[in-house]
Amino acid sequence: MGTRDQGTNGDAAEAGGVSTDGWTLPTLVRHAAVTHADREFLAFEDGRTLSFAELDSHTDRLATALGDC
């Protein structure tokens, strides 16, 4: 199996993008929800879709519920 050099996140920042070095998964989801709120994150076989904003909302509710345990 071959490998592919994907560069580093620092390369993205140098190219004018956003560096995600040190970000956590919740931070990445929140950033995607802010920058791509209505963009489709996931499409199910039955035709339902989930946007980045909906993903963020669902993960917030899950985190709150887990914190209340």
N, C-alpha and C. Protein backbone atom coordinates (compact mmCIF):
# COMPACT_ATOMS: atom_id res chain seq x y z
N MET A 1 0.84 -1.17 0.00
CA MET A 1 0.00 0.00 0.00
C MET A 1 0.89 1.24 0.00
N GLY A 2 0.62 2.18 -0.87
CA GLY A 2 1.42 3.40 -0.96
C GLY A 2 1.00 4.45 0.05
N THR A 3 1.84 5.44 0.19
CA THR A 3 1.51 6.55 1.07
C THR A 3 1.44 7.82 0.25
N ARG A 4 0.78 8.80 0.79
CA ARG A 4 0.64 10.08 0.10
C ARG A 4 1.04 11.19 1.04
N ASP A 5 1.90 12.08 0.60
CA ASP A 5 2.33 13.21 1.42
C ASP A 5 1.24 14.27 1.37
N GLN A 6 0.63 14.52 2.52
CA GLN A 6 -0.45 15.50 2.58
C GLN A 6 0.03 16.84 3.11
N GLY A 7 1.29 16.97 3.39
CA GLY A 7 1.79 18.24 3.92
C GLY A 7 1.40 18.39 5.38
N THR A 8 1.52 19.62 5.87
CA THR A 8 1.17 19.90 7.25
C THR A 8 0.13 20.99 7.30
N ASN A 9 -0.52 21.11 8.42
CA ASN A 9 -1.50 22.17 8.59
C ASN A 9 -0.84 23.54 8.54
N GLY A 10 0.42 23.60 8.92
CA GLY A 10 1.15 24.85 8.83
C GLY A 10 1.24 25.33 7.39
N ASP A 11 1.33 24.38 6.46
CA ASP A 11 1.36 24.73 5.04
C ASP A 11 0.08 25.45 4.64
N ALA A 12 -1.06 25.03 5.17
CA ALA A 12 -2.34 25.66 4.84
C ALA A 12 -2.35 27.12 5.30
N ALA A 13 -1.83 27.37 6.49
CA ALA A 13 -1.81 28.74 7.01
C ALA A 13 -0.91 29.63 6.16
N GLU A 14 0.22 29.06 5.74
CA GLU A 14 1.14 29.83 4.91
C GLU A 14 0.54 30.15 3.55
N ALA A 15 -0.36 29.30 3.08
CA ALA A 15 -1.00 29.50 1.77
C ALA A 15 -2.25 30.36 1.88
N GLY A 16 -2.50 30.94 3.04
CA GLY A 16 -3.66 31.80 3.22
C GLY A 16 -4.86 31.09 3.81
N GLY A 17 -4.73 29.80 4.13
CA GLY A 17 -5.82 29.03 4.73
C GLY A 17 -5.79 29.16 6.24
N VAL A 18 -6.50 28.28 6.90
CA VAL A 18 -6.56 28.27 8.35
C VAL A 18 -5.74 27.11 8.87
N SER A 19 -4.81 27.37 9.76
CA SER A 19 -4.03 26.30 10.37
C SER A 19 -4.86 25.67 11.47
N THR A 20 -4.93 24.36 11.46
CA THR A 20 -5.70 23.64 12.48
C THR A 20 -4.78 22.91 13.45
N ASP A 21 -3.53 23.28 13.49
CA ASP A 21 -2.59 22.67 14.42
C ASP A 21 -3.10 22.83 15.84
N GLY A 22 -3.20 21.73 16.56
CA GLY A 22 -3.61 21.78 17.95
C GLY A 22 -5.11 21.87 18.19
N TRP A 23 -5.91 21.88 17.13
CA TRP A 23 -7.36 21.96 17.31
C TRP A 23 -7.90 20.61 17.78
N THR A 24 -8.99 20.64 18.53
CA THR A 24 -9.67 19.42 18.94
C THR A 24 -10.82 19.15 17.97
N LEU A 25 -11.37 17.95 18.02
CA LEU A 25 -12.49 17.61 17.15
C LEU A 25 -13.68 18.55 17.37
N PRO A 26 -14.06 18.85 18.63
CA PRO A 26 -15.17 19.80 18.82
C PRO A 26 -14.89 21.17 18.21
N THR A 27 -13.64 21.63 18.28
CA THR A 27 -13.29 22.91 17.69
C THR A 27 -13.41 22.87 16.17
N LEU A 28 -12.99 21.77 15.56
CA LEU A 28 -13.11 21.61 14.12
C LEU A 28 -14.57 21.59 13.67
N VAL A 29 -15.42 20.88 14.42
CA VAL A 29 -16.85 20.82 14.09
C VAL A 29 -17.46 22.21 14.21
N ARG A 30 -17.14 22.92 15.28
CA ARG A 30 -17.69 24.27 15.48
C ARG A 30 -17.24 25.21 14.36
N HIS A 31 -15.98 25.12 13.97
CA HIS A 31 -15.46 25.96 12.89
C HIS A 31 -16.18 25.65 11.58
N ALA A 32 -16.37 24.38 11.28
CA ALA A 32 -17.08 23.98 10.06
C ALA A 32 -18.53 24.47 10.10
N ALA A 33 -19.16 24.44 11.27
CA ALA A 33 -20.54 24.90 11.40
C ALA A 33 -20.64 26.40 11.16
N VAL A 34 -19.65 27.14 11.60
CA VAL A 34 -19.65 28.59 11.41
C VAL A 34 -19.37 28.95 9.95
N THR A 35 -18.41 28.27 9.35
CA THR A 35 -18.00 28.64 8.00
C THR A 35 -18.82 27.97 6.89
N HIS A 36 -19.47 26.85 7.20
CA HIS A 36 -20.23 26.10 6.18
C HIS A 36 -21.58 25.64 6.74
N ALA A 37 -22.26 26.48 7.47
CA ALA A 37 -23.46 26.10 8.23
C ALA A 37 -24.45 25.26 7.44
N ASP A 38 -24.83 25.69 6.27
CA ASP A 38 -25.87 25.00 5.51
C ASP A 38 -25.34 23.94 4.56
N ARG A 39 -24.03 23.81 4.49
CA ARG A 39 -23.44 22.81 3.60
C ARG A 39 -23.70 21.40 4.13
N GLU A 40 -23.94 20.48 3.23
CA GLU A 40 -24.23 19.10 3.61
C GLU A 40 -22.99 18.43 4.20
N PHE A 41 -23.15 17.89 5.41
CA PHE A 41 -22.08 17.14 6.05
C PHE A 41 -22.22 15.66 5.74
N LEU A 42 -23.47 15.16 5.75
CA LEU A 42 -23.70 13.74 5.60
C LEU A 42 -25.02 13.52 4.87
N ALA A 43 -25.05 12.56 3.97
CA ALA A 43 -26.29 12.18 3.28
C ALA A 43 -26.56 10.71 3.55
N PHE A 44 -27.79 10.42 3.98
CA PHE A 44 -28.18 9.06 4.27
C PHE A 44 -28.82 8.43 3.03
N GLU A 45 -28.83 7.10 3.00
CA GLU A 45 -29.39 6.39 1.85
C GLU A 45 -30.86 6.70 1.62
N ASP A 46 -31.60 7.04 2.69
CA ASP A 46 -33.03 7.31 2.55
C ASP A 46 -33.32 8.74 2.09
N GLY A 47 -32.26 9.51 1.80
CA GLY A 47 -32.45 10.86 1.29
C GLY A 47 -32.31 11.96 2.33
N ARG A 48 -32.31 11.60 3.62
CA ARG A 48 -32.13 12.61 4.65
C ARG A 48 -30.69 13.12 4.60
N THR A 49 -30.52 14.37 5.00
CA THR A 49 -29.17 14.96 5.05
C THR A 49 -28.96 15.61 6.41
N LEU A 50 -27.71 15.86 6.71
CA LEU A 50 -27.32 16.53 7.95
C LEU A 50 -26.33 17.62 7.58
N SER A 51 -26.63 18.85 7.93
CA SER A 51 -25.73 19.97 7.63
C SER A 51 -24.68 20.09 8.74
N PHE A 52 -23.67 20.90 8.47
CA PHE A 52 -22.65 21.14 9.49
C PHE A 52 -23.26 21.81 10.72
N ALA A 53 -24.21 22.72 10.52
CA ALA A 53 -24.85 23.39 11.66
C ALA A 53 -25.67 22.39 12.48
N GLU A 54 -26.35 21.47 11.80
CA GLU A 54 -27.12 20.45 12.52
C GLU A 54 -26.19 19.51 13.29
N LEU A 55 -25.07 19.14 12.68
CA LEU A 55 -24.07 18.31 13.37
C LEU A 55 -23.61 19.01 14.64
N ASP A 56 -23.30 20.28 14.54
CA ASP A 56 -22.85 21.05 15.70
C ASP A 56 -23.91 21.06 16.80
N SER A 57 -25.15 21.27 16.41
CA SER A 57 -26.25 21.29 17.37
C SER A 57 -26.41 19.93 18.06
N HIS A 58 -26.36 18.87 17.28
CA HIS A 58 -26.50 17.52 17.86
C HIS A 58 -25.35 17.20 18.80
N THR A 59 -24.13 17.55 18.42
CA THR A 59 -22.99 17.26 19.27
C THR A 59 -23.02 18.09 20.56
N ASP A 60 -23.52 19.33 20.47
CA ASP A 60 -23.67 20.15 21.68
C ASP A 60 -24.66 19.51 22.65
N ARG A 61 -25.78 19.04 22.11
CA ARG A 61 -26.79 18.41 22.98
C ARG A 61 -26.24 17.13 23.60
N LEU A 62 -25.50 16.34 22.81
CA LEU A 62 -24.91 15.12 23.34
C LEU A 62 -23.91 15.43 24.46
N ALA A 63 -23.06 16.42 24.23
CA ALA A 63 -22.07 16.80 25.25
C ALA A 63 -22.74 17.28 26.53
N THR A 64 -23.82 18.03 26.38
CA THR A 64 -24.56 18.53 27.55
C THR A 64 -25.17 17.35 28.31
N ALA A 65 -25.77 16.42 27.59
CA ALA A 65 -26.39 15.25 28.23
C ALA A 65 -25.34 14.41 28.94
N LEU A 66 -24.18 14.22 28.32
CA LEU A 66 -23.12 13.45 28.94
C LEU A 66 -22.57 14.17 30.18
N GLY A 67 -22.52 15.49 30.12
CA GLY A 67 -22.03 16.27 31.25
C GLY A 67 -22.97 16.22 32.44
N ASP A 68 -24.25 15.97 32.17
CA ASP A 68 -25.25 15.90 33.23
C ASP A 68 -25.28 14.54 33.92
N CYS A 69 -24.53 13.57 33.39
CA CYS A 69 -24.53 12.21 33.97
C CYS A 69 -23.73 12.14 35.23
